[in-house]
PDB file of N, CA and C in Angstrom:
ATOM      1  N   MET A   1     -35.312 -61.259 -30.297  1.00  0.00           N
ATOM      2  CA  MET A   1     -35.388 -61.138 -31.799  1.00  0.00           C
ATOM      3  C   MET A   1     -36.543 -60.164 -32.203  1.00  0.00           C
ATOM      4  N   SER A   2     -36.331 -59.554 -33.299  1.00  0.00           N
ATOM      5  CA  SER A   2     -37.354 -58.586 -33.871  1.00  0.00           C
ATOM      6  C   SER A   2     -37.726 -59.085 -35.250  1.00  0.00           C
ATOM      7  N   MET A   3     -39.046 -58.875 -35.551  1.00  0.00           N
ATOM      8  CA  MET A   3     -39.525 -59.267 -36.856  1.00  0.00           C
ATOM      9  C   MET A   3     -39.610 -57.975 -37.743  1.00  0.00           C
ATOM     10  N   PHE A   4     -39.088 -58.169 -39.010  1.00  0.00           N
ATOM     11  CA  PHE A   4     -39.102 -57.082 -39.905  1.00  0.00           C
ATOM     12  C   PHE A   4     -39.857 -57.502 -41.216  1.00  0.00           C
ATOM     13  N   VAL A   5     -40.532 -56.575 -41.739  1.00  0.00           N
ATOM     14  CA  VAL A   5     -41.017 -56.741 -43.129  1.00  0.00           C
ATOM     15  C   VAL A   5     -40.389 -55.576 -43.933  1.00  0.00           C
ATOM     16  N   VAL A   6     -39.799 -55.995 -45.063  1.00  0.00           N
ATOM     17  CA  VAL A   6     -39.083 -55.017 -45.886  1.00  0.00           C
ATOM     18  C   VAL A   6     -39.702 -55.067 -47.329  1.00  0.00           C
ATOM     19  N   ARG A   7     -39.921 -53.867 -47.874  1.00  0.00           N
ATOM     20  CA  ARG A   7     -40.364 -53.694 -49.227  1.00  0.00           C
ATOM     21  C   ARG A   7     -39.309 -52.975 -49.987  1.00  0.00           C
ATOM     22  N   VAL A   8     -38.909 -53.510 -51.115  1.00  0.00           N
ATOM     23  CA  VAL A   8     -37.952 -52.957 -52.011  1.00  0.00           C
ATOM     24  C   VAL A   8     -38.588 -52.738 -53.372  1.00  0.00           C
ATOM     25  N   GLU A   9     -38.568 -51.497 -53.859  1.00  0.00           N
ATOM     26  CA  GLU A   9     -39.003 -51.162 -55.183  1.00  0.00           C
ATOM     27  C   GLU A   9     -37.817 -50.800 -56.021  1.00  0.00           C
ATOM     28  N   LEU A  10     -37.630 -51.483 -57.105  1.00  0.00           N
ATOM     29  CA  LEU A  10     -36.607 -51.116 -58.050  1.00  0.00           C
ATOM     30  C   LEU A  10     -37.203 -50.217 -59.170  1.00  0.00           C
ATOM     31  N   HIS A  11     -36.590 -49.094 -59.448  1.00  0.00           N
ATOM     32  CA  HIS A  11     -37.122 -48.166 -60.477  1.00  0.00           C
ATOM     33  C   HIS A  11     -36.645 -48.560 -61.810  1.00  0.00           C
ATOM     34  N   PHE A  12     -37.555 -48.619 -62.740  1.00  0.00           N
ATOM     35  CA  PHE A  12     -37.164 -48.866 -64.165  1.00  0.00           C
ATOM     36  C   PHE A  12     -36.510 -50.229 -64.342  1.00  0.00           C
ATOM     37  N   ALA A  13     -37.034 -51.189 -63.570  1.00  0.00           N
ATOM     38  CA  ALA A  13     -36.437 -52.506 -63.528  1.00  0.00           C
ATOM     39  C   ALA A  13     -37.102 -53.504 -64.488  1.00  0.00           C
ATOM     40  N   ILE A  14     -36.312 -54.527 -64.781  1.00  0.00           N
ATOM     41  CA  ILE A  14     -36.876 -55.671 -65.576  1.00  0.00           C
ATOM     42  C   ILE A  14     -36.846 -56.849 -64.665  1.00  0.00           C
ATOM     43  N   GLU A  15     -37.423 -57.926 -65.146  1.00  0.00           N
ATOM     44  CA  GLU A  15     -37.550 -59.190 -64.272  1.00  0.00           C
ATOM     45  C   GLU A  15     -36.173 -59.632 -63.779  1.00  0.00           C
ATOM     46  N   ALA A  16     -35.172 -59.550 -64.615  1.00  0.00           N
ATOM     47  CA  ALA A  16     -33.840 -59.993 -64.248  1.00  0.00           C
ATOM     48  C   ALA A  16     -33.308 -59.210 -63.015  1.00  0.00           C
ATOM     49  N   ASN A  17     -33.664 -57.958 -62.964  1.00  0.00           N
ATOM     50  CA  ASN A  17     -33.186 -57.120 -61.771  1.00  0.00           C
ATOM     51  C   ASN A  17     -33.762 -57.603 -60.571  1.00  0.00           C
ATOM     52  N   TYR A  18     -35.096 -58.011 -60.581  1.00  0.00           N
ATOM     53  CA  TYR A  18     -35.759 -58.496 -59.409  1.00  0.00           C
ATOM     54  C   TYR A  18     -35.252 -59.925 -59.071  1.00  0.00           C
ATOM     55  N   ASP A  19     -34.754 -60.687 -60.101  1.00  0.00           N
ATOM     56  CA  ASP A  19     -34.213 -62.022 -59.760  1.00  0.00           C
ATOM     57  C   ASP A  19     -32.855 -61.789 -59.000  1.00  0.00           C
ATOM     58  N   THR A  20     -32.099 -60.788 -59.378  1.00  0.00           N
ATOM     59  CA  THR A  20     -30.852 -60.476 -58.665  1.00  0.00           C
ATOM     60  C   THR A  20     -31.173 -60.025 -57.283  1.00  0.00           C
ATOM     61  N   LEU A  21     -32.221 -59.191 -57.115  1.00  0.00           N
ATOM     62  CA  LEU A  21     -32.651 -58.692 -55.815  1.00  0.00           C
ATOM     63  C   LEU A  21     -33.058 -59.895 -54.893  1.00  0.00           C
ATOM     64  N   HIS A  22     -33.897 -60.738 -55.437  1.00  0.00           N
ATOM     65  CA  HIS A  22     -34.338 -61.933 -54.637  1.00  0.00           C
ATOM     66  C   HIS A  22     -33.087 -62.798 -54.179  1.00  0.00           C
ATOM     67  N   GLN A  23     -32.199 -63.008 -55.033  1.00  0.00           N
ATOM     68  CA  GLN A  23     -31.051 -63.805 -54.636  1.00  0.00           C
ATOM     69  C   GLN A  23     -30.213 -63.155 -53.603  1.00  0.00           C
ATOM     70  N   ALA A  24     -30.078 -61.866 -53.715  1.00  0.00           N
ATOM     71  CA  ALA A  24     -29.286 -61.086 -52.731  1.00  0.00           C
ATOM     72  C   ALA A  24     -29.932 -61.061 -51.329  1.00  0.00           C
ATOM     73  N   MET A  25     -31.294 -60.918 -51.385  1.00  0.00           N
ATOM     74  CA  MET A  25     -32.068 -60.786 -50.145  1.00  0.00           C
ATOM     75  C   MET A  25     -32.032 -62.204 -49.469  1.00  0.00           C
ATOM     76  N   ARG A  26     -32.258 -63.266 -50.233  1.00  0.00           N
ATOM     77  CA  ARG A  26     -32.202 -64.667 -49.664  1.00  0.00           C
ATOM     78  C   ARG A  26     -30.777 -64.926 -49.046  1.00  0.00           C
ATOM     79  N   ALA A  27     -29.730 -64.466 -49.726  1.00  0.00           N
ATOM     80  CA  ALA A  27     -28.359 -64.710 -49.191  1.00  0.00           C
ATOM     81  C   ALA A  27     -28.233 -63.967 -47.915  1.00  0.00           C
ATOM     82  N   ALA A  28     -28.909 -62.877 -47.815  1.00  0.00           N
ATOM     83  CA  ALA A  28     -28.780 -62.039 -46.544  1.00  0.00           C
ATOM     84  C   ALA A  28     -29.778 -62.560 -45.430  1.00  0.00           C
ATOM     85  N   GLY A  29     -30.471 -63.641 -45.679  1.00  0.00           N
ATOM     86  CA  GLY A  29     -31.328 -64.262 -44.618  1.00  0.00           C
ATOM     87  C   GLY A  29     -32.760 -63.822 -44.642  1.00  0.00           C
ATOM     88  N   PHE A  30     -33.198 -63.151 -45.721  1.00  0.00           N
ATOM     89  CA  PHE A  30     -34.639 -62.771 -45.835  1.00  0.00           C
ATOM     90  C   PHE A  30     -35.459 -63.805 -46.526  1.00  0.00           C
ATOM     91  N   THR A  31     -36.669 -63.936 -46.284  1.00  0.00           N
ATOM     92  CA  THR A  31     -37.528 -64.874 -46.998  1.00  0.00           C
ATOM     93  C   THR A  31     -38.693 -64.164 -47.659  1.00  0.00           C
ATOM     94  N   THR A  32     -39.312 -64.743 -48.605  1.00  0.00           N
ATOM     95  CA  THR A  32     -40.447 -64.123 -49.270  1.00  0.00           C
ATOM     96  C   THR A  32     -41.794 -64.690 -48.693  1.00  0.00           C
ATOM     97  N   THR A  33     -41.671 -65.385 -47.524  1.00  0.00           N
ATOM     98  CA  THR A  33     -42.782 -65.833 -46.864  1.00  0.00           C
ATOM     99  C   THR A  33     -42.806 -65.355 -45.382  1.00  0.00           C
ATOM    100  N   ILE A  34     -43.970 -65.264 -44.744  1.00  0.00           N
ATOM    101  CA  ILE A  34     -44.076 -64.829 -43.432  1.00  0.00           C
ATOM    102  C   ILE A  34     -44.760 -65.885 -42.567  1.00  0.00           C
ATOM    103  N   PRO A  35     -44.366 -66.162 -41.358  1.00  0.00           N
ATOM    104  CA  PRO A  35     -44.933 -67.273 -40.591  1.00  0.00           C
ATOM    105  C   PRO A  35     -46.141 -66.710 -39.763  1.00  0.00           C
ATOM    106  N   GLU A  36     -47.164 -67.559 -39.706  1.00  0.00           N
ATOM    107  CA  GLU A  36     -48.292 -67.387 -38.778  1.00  0.00           C
ATOM    108  C   GLU A  36     -47.835 -67.975 -37.410  1.00  0.00           C
ATOM    109  N   ALA A  37     -48.455 -67.594 -36.320  1.00  0.00           N
ATOM    110  CA  ALA A  37     -48.160 -68.069 -35.013  1.00  0.00           C
ATOM    111  C   ALA A  37     -48.136 -69.632 -34.900  1.00  0.00           C
ATOM    112  N   ASP A  38     -48.983 -70.276 -35.772  1.00  0.00           N
ATOM    113  CA  ASP A  38     -49.032 -71.775 -35.722  1.00  0.00           C
ATOM    114  C   ASP A  38     -48.000 -72.387 -36.723  1.00  0.00           C
ATOM    115  N   GLY A  39     -47.102 -71.579 -37.216  1.00  0.00           N
ATOM    116  CA  GLY A  39     -46.086 -72.092 -38.086  1.00  0.00           C
ATOM    117  C   GLY A  39     -46.323 -72.179 -39.564  1.00  0.00           C
ATOM    118  N   VAL A  40     -47.560 -71.937 -39.942  1.00  0.00           N
ATOM    119  CA  VAL A  40     -47.928 -71.966 -41.354  1.00  0.00           C
ATOM    120  C   VAL A  40     -47.196 -70.731 -42.051  1.00  0.00           C
ATOM    121  N   GLN A  41     -46.659 -70.934 -43.179  1.00  0.00           N
ATOM    122  CA  GLN A  41     -45.989 -69.867 -43.928  1.00  0.00           C
ATOM    123  C   GLN A  41     -46.906 -69.333 -45.014  1.00  0.00           C
ATOM    124  N   TYR A  42     -46.915 -68.028 -45.146  1.00  0.00           N
ATOM    125  CA  TYR A  42     -47.759 -67.379 -46.160  1.00  0.00           C
ATOM    126  C   TYR A  42     -46.857 -66.548 -47.095  1.00  0.00           C
ATOM    127  N   GLN A  43     -47.235 -66.642 -48.444  1.00  0.00           N
ATOM    128  CA  GLN A  43     -46.406 -65.908 -49.452  1.00  0.00           C
ATOM    129  C   GLN A  43     -46.674 -64.388 -49.353  1.00  0.00           C
ATOM    130  N   LEU A  44     -45.549 -63.660 -49.259  1.00  0.00           N
ATOM    131  CA  LEU A  44     -45.744 -62.246 -49.270  1.00  0.00           C
ATOM    132  C   LEU A  44     -45.895 -61.670 -50.647  1.00  0.00           C
ATOM    133  N   PRO A  45     -46.448 -60.493 -50.826  1.00  0.00           N
ATOM    134  CA  PRO A  45     -46.546 -59.889 -52.144  1.00  0.00           C
ATOM    135  C   PRO A  45     -45.176 -59.695 -52.730  1.00  0.00           C
ATOM    136  N   PRO A  46     -45.154 -59.492 -54.065  1.00  0.00           N
ATOM    137  CA  PRO A  46     -43.899 -59.385 -54.759  1.00  0.00           C
ATOM    138  C   PRO A  46     -42.973 -58.269 -54.100  1.00  0.00           C
ATOM    139  N   ALA A  47     -41.700 -58.511 -54.105  1.00  0.00           N
ATOM    140  CA  ALA A  47     -40.675 -57.600 -53.623  1.00  0.00           C
ATOM    141  C   ALA A  47     -40.850 -57.217 -52.133  1.00  0.00           C
ATOM    142  N   GLN A  48     -41.559 -58.115 -51.395  1.00  0.00           N
ATOM    143  CA  GLN A  48     -41.590 -57.928 -49.884  1.00  0.00           C
ATOM    144  C   GLN A  48     -40.910 -59.103 -49.311  1.00  0.00           C
ATOM    145  N   TYR A  49     -40.197 -58.805 -48.148  1.00  0.00           N
ATOM    146  CA  TYR A  49     -39.337 -59.805 -47.571  1.00  0.00           C
ATOM    147  C   TYR A  49     -39.575 -59.744 -45.991  1.00  0.00           C
ATOM    148  N   PHE A  50     -39.216 -60.921 -45.413  1.00  0.00           N
ATOM    149  CA  PHE A  50     -39.417 -61.035 -43.963  1.00  0.00           C
ATOM    150  C   PHE A  50     -38.115 -61.540 -43.344  1.00  0.00           C
ATOM    151  N   ALA A  51     -37.809 -61.023 -42.131  1.00  0.00           N
ATOM    152  CA  ALA A  51     -36.659 -61.443 -41.428  1.00  0.00           C
ATOM    153  C   ALA A  51     -36.955 -61.428 -39.872  1.00  0.00           C
ATOM    154  N   ASP A  52     -36.560 -62.351 -39.152  1.00  0.00           N
ATOM    155  CA  ASP A  52     -36.667 -62.428 -37.675  1.00  0.00           C
ATOM    156  C   ASP A  52     -35.214 -62.475 -37.248  1.00  0.00           C
ATOM    157  N   THR A  53     -34.705 -61.351 -36.678  1.00  0.00           N
ATOM    158  CA  THR A  53     -33.312 -61.221 -36.432  1.00  0.00           C
ATOM    159  C   THR A  53     -33.052 -60.380 -35.161  1.00  0.00           C
ATOM    160  N   ASN A  54     -31.895 -60.422 -34.723  1.00  0.00           N
ATOM    161  CA  ASN A  54     -31.342 -59.601 -33.592  1.00  0.00           C
ATOM    162  C   ASN A  54     -30.862 -58.291 -34.121  1.00  0.00           C
ATOM    163  N   ASP A  55     -30.826 -58.103 -35.510  1.00  0.00           N
ATOM    164  CA  ASP A  55     -30.299 -56.835 -35.972  1.00  0.00           C
ATOM    165  C   ASP A  55     -31.202 -55.709 -35.742  1.00  0.00           C
ATOM    166  N   SER A  56     -30.694 -54.463 -35.734  1.00  0.00           N
ATOM    167  CA  SER A  56     -31.497 -53.243 -35.550  1.00  0.00           C
ATOM    168  C   SER A  56     -32.186 -52.948 -36.842  1.00  0.00           C
ATOM    169  N   TRP A  57     -33.095 -52.051 -36.835  1.00  0.00           N
ATOM    170  CA  TRP A  57     -33.773 -51.634 -38.066  1.00  0.00           C
ATOM    171  C   TRP A  57     -32.787 -50.939 -38.986  1.00  0.00           C
ATOM    172  N   GLU A  58     -31.727 -50.261 -38.427  1.00  0.00           N
ATOM    173  CA  GLU A  58     -30.810 -49.620 -39.329  1.00  0.00           C
ATOM    174  C   GLU A  58     -30.003 -50.688 -39.997  1.00  0.00           C
ATOM    175  N   GLN A  59     -29.553 -51.790 -39.336  1.00  0.00           N
ATOM    176  CA  GLN A  59     -28.816 -52.854 -39.967  1.00  0.00           C
ATOM    177  C   GLN A  59     -29.651 -53.534 -41.097  1.00  0.00           C
ATOM    178  N   VAL A  60     -30.943 -53.797 -40.775  1.00  0.00           N
ATOM    179  CA  VAL A  60     -31.825 -54.410 -41.745  1.00  0.00           C
ATOM    180  C   VAL A  60     -31.926 -53.462 -42.940  1.00  0.00           C
ATOM    181  N   LEU A  61     -32.157 -52.231 -42.738  1.00  0.00           N
ATOM    182  CA  LEU A  61     -32.190 -51.259 -43.886  1.00  0.00           C
ATOM    183  C   LEU A  61     -30.906 -51.308 -44.728  1.00  0.00           C
ATOM    184  N   ASN A  62     -29.782 -51.262 -44.064  1.00  0.00           N
ATOM    185  CA  ASN A  62     -28.508 -51.243 -44.810  1.00  0.00           C
ATOM    186  C   ASN A  62     -28.356 -52.522 -45.601  1.00  0.00           C
ATOM    187  N   VAL A  63     -28.725 -53.688 -45.039  1.00  0.00           N
ATOM    188  CA  VAL A  63     -28.585 -54.929 -45.762  1.00  0.00           C
ATOM    189  C   VAL A  63     -29.534 -54.906 -47.002  1.00  0.00           C
ATOM    190  N   ALA A  64     -30.778 -54.446 -46.825  1.00  0.00           N
ATOM    191  CA  ALA A  64     -31.651 -54.353 -47.977  1.00  0.00           C
ATOM    192  C   ALA A  64     -31.147 -53.323 -48.987  1.00  0.00           C
ATOM    193  N   LYS A  65     -30.581 -52.225 -48.560  1.00  0.00           N
ATOM    194  CA  LYS A  65     -29.990 -51.283 -49.580  1.00  0.00           C
ATOM    195  C   LYS A  65     -28.816 -51.921 -50.302  1.00  0.00           C
ATOM    196  N   THR A  66     -28.023 -52.645 -49.592  1.00  0.00           N
ATOM    197  CA  THR A  66     -26.886 -53.312 -50.267  1.00  0.00           C
ATOM    198  C   THR A  66     -27.381 -54.326 -51.319  1.00  0.00           C
ATOM    199  N   ALA A  67     -28.417 -55.137 -50.949  1.00  0.00           N
ATOM    200  CA  ALA A  67     -28.975 -56.066 -51.874  1.00  0.00           C
ATOM    201  C   ALA A  67     -29.605 -55.312 -53.101  1.00  0.00           C
ATOM    202  N   ALA A  68     -30.321 -54.250 -52.862  1.00  0.00           N
ATOM    203  CA  ALA A  68     -30.933 -53.522 -53.954  1.00  0.00           C
ATOM    204  C   ALA A  68     -29.908 -52.919 -54.890  1.00  0.00           C
ATOM    205  N   SER A  69     -28.832 -52.411 -54.280  1.00  0.00           N
ATOM    206  CA  SER A  69     -27.761 -51.808 -55.109  1.00  0.00           C
ATOM    207  C   SER A  69     -27.081 -52.770 -56.078  1.00  0.00           C
ATOM    208  N   ARG A  70     -27.142 -54.075 -55.745  1.00  0.00           N
ATOM    209  CA  ARG A  70     -26.535 -55.131 -56.565  1.00  0.00           C
ATOM    210  C   ARG A  70     -27.283 -55.247 -57.897  1.00  0.00           C
ATOM    211  N   THR A  71     -28.447 -54.648 -58.025  1.00  0.00           N
ATOM    212  CA  THR A  71     -29.266 -54.757 -59.188  1.00  0.00           C
ATOM    213  C   THR A  71     -28.794 -53.714 -60.254  1.00  0.00           C
ATOM    214  N   GLY A  72     -28.069 -52.688 -59.778  1.00  0.00           N
ATOM    215  CA  GLY A  72     -27.749 -51.679 -60.693  1.00  0.00           C
ATOM    216  C   GLY A  72     -28.875 -50.607 -61.005  1.00  0.00           C
ATOM    217  N   ARG A  73     -30.005 -50.759 -60.311  1.00  0.00           N
ATOM    218  CA  ARG A  73     -31.063 -49.797 -60.497  1.00  0.00           C
ATOM    219  C   ARG A  73     -31.238 -48.948 -59.328  1.00  0.00           C
ATOM    220  N   ALA A  74     -31.918 -47.835 -59.565  1.00  0.00           N
ATOM    221  CA  ALA A  74     -32.288 -46.922 -58.444  1.00  0.00           C
ATOM    222  C   ALA A  74     -33.379 -47.735 -57.741  1.00  0.00           C
ATOM    223  N   TYR A  75     -33.593 -47.456 -56.487  1.00  0.00           N
ATOM    224  CA  TYR A  75     -34.470 -48.177 -55.577  1.00  0.00           C
ATOM    225  C   TYR A  75     -35.046 -47.427 -54.469  1.00  0.00           C
ATOM    226  N   GLY A  76     -36.112 -47.866 -53.940  1.00  0.00           N
ATOM    227  CA  GLY A  76     -36.711 -47.337 -52.646  1.00  0.00           C
ATOM    228  C   GLY A  76     -36.826 -48.546 -51.681  1.00  0.00           C
ATOM    229  N   VAL A  77     -36.554 -48.344 -50.424  1.00  0.00           N
ATOM    230  CA  VAL A  77     -36.737 -49.407 -49.374  1.00  0.00           C
ATOM    231  C   VAL A  77     -37.495 -48.905 -48.202  1.00  0.00           C
ATOM    232  N   ILE A  78     -38.379 -49.625 -47.716  1.00  0.00           N
ATOM    233  CA  ILE A  78     -39.128 -49.388 -46.472  1.00  0.00           C
ATOM    234  C   ILE A  78     -38.906 -50.546 -45.548  1.00  0.00           C
ATOM    235  N   VAL A  79     -38.679 -50.302 -44.295  1.00  0.00           N
ATOM    236  CA  VAL A  79     -38.436 -51.327 -43.224  1.00  0.00           C
ATOM    237  C   VAL A  79     -39.489 -51.064 -42.083  1.00  0.00           C
ATOM    238  N   THR A  80     -40.291 -52.109 -41.814  1.00  0.00           N
ATOM    239  CA  THR A  80     -41.201 -51.960 -40.681  1.00  0.00           C
ATOM    240  C   THR A  80     -40.764 -53.116 -39.694  1.00  0.00           C
ATOM    241  N   GLU A  81     -40.903 -52.711 -38.420  1.00  0.00           N
ATOM    242  CA  GLU A  81     -40.517 -53.653 -37.319  1.00  0.00           C
ATOM    243  C   GLU A  81     -41.704 -53.906 -36.463  1.00  0.00           C
ATOM    244  N   GLY A  82     -41.882 -55.160 -36.106  1.00  0.00           N
ATOM    245  CA  GLY A  82     -42.919 -55.472 -35.137  1.00  0.00           C
ATOM    246  C   GLY A  82     -43.858 -56.573 -35.759  1.00  0.00           C
ATOM    247  N   ASN A  83     -44.977 -56.705 -35.052  1.00  0.00           N
ATOM    248  CA  ASN A  83     -45.964 -57.712 -35.469  1.00  0.00           C
ATOM    249  C   ASN A  83     -46.579 -57.256 -36.798  1.00  0.00           C
ATOM    250  N   SER A  84     -47.022 -58.250 -37.575  1.00  0.00           N
ATOM    251  CA  SER A  84     -47.643 -58.094 -38.944  1.00  0.00           C
ATOM    252  C   SER A  84     -48.980 -58.792 -38.895  1.00  0.00           C
ATOM    253  N   TYR A  85     -49.936 -58.179 -39.469  1.00  0.00           N
ATOM    254  CA  TYR A  85     -51.288 -58.830 -39.632  1.00  0.00           C
ATOM    255  C   TYR A  85     -51.660 -58.736 -41.072  1.00  0.00           C
ATOM    256  N   TRP A  86     -52.334 -59.783 -41.476  1.00  0.00           N
ATOM    257  CA  TRP A  86     -52.680 -59.848 -42.905  1.00  0.00           C
ATOM    258  C   TRP A  86     -53.919 -60.647 -43.158  1.00  0.00           C
ATOM    259  N   SER A  87     -54.399 -60.525 -44.416  1.00  0.00           N
ATOM    260  CA  SER A  87     -55.568 -61.188 -44.817  1.00  0.00           C
ATOM    261  C   SER A  87     -55.420 -61.564 -46.376  1.00  0.00           C
ATOM    262  N   GLY A  88     -55.796 -62.701 -46.786  1.00  0.00           N
ATOM    263  CA  GLY A  88     -55.781 -63.070 -48.162  1.00  0.00           C
ATOM    264  C   GLY A  88     -54.445 -63.484 -48.755  1.00  0.00           C
ATOM    265  N   LEU A  89     -53.426 -63.682 -47.890  1.00  0.00           N
ATOM    266  CA  LEU A  89     -52.128 -64.189 -48.389  1.00  0.00           C
ATOM    267  C   LEU A  89     -52.298 -65.688 -48.540  1.00  0.00           C
ATOM    268  N   THR A  90     -51.530 -66.205 -49.544  1.00  0.00           N
ATOM    269  CA  THR A  90     -51.595 -67.605 -49.883  1.00  0.00           C
ATOM    270  C   THR A  90     -50.670 -68.443 -49.021  1.00  0.00           C
ATOM    271  N   PRO A  91     -51.262 -69.479 -48.371  1.00  0.00           N
ATOM    272  CA  PRO A  91     -50.332 -70.373 -47.537  1.00  0.00           C
ATOM    273  C   PRO A  91     -49.487 -71.173 -48.478  1.00  0.00           C
ATOM    274  N   VAL A  92     -48.309 -71.454 -48.084  1.00  0.00           N
ATOM    275  CA  VAL A  92     -47.354 -72.192 -48.883  1.00  0.00           C
ATOM    276  C   VAL A  92     -46.932 -73.444 -48.116  1.00  0.00           C
TER     277      VAL A  92
END
């Protein structure tokens, strides 16, 4: 399995567009939290998502693009694969 952090930015979006994005990303298996090694979940910044999957980065990118396109807005997507390190995120 590979860990991915995905950032989606919707251009000229309103809150309802991000609501649509969040629903589509959740339906595709992404979360808005990221797990620490001890199992504690941390809230990611807005419009960032996490997935632990067997999919390739290309598949993850395509899923995120499909979710973003459902908003009807232009968008930018970045996918990073591998370990993540953070500070200052809120545990949930």
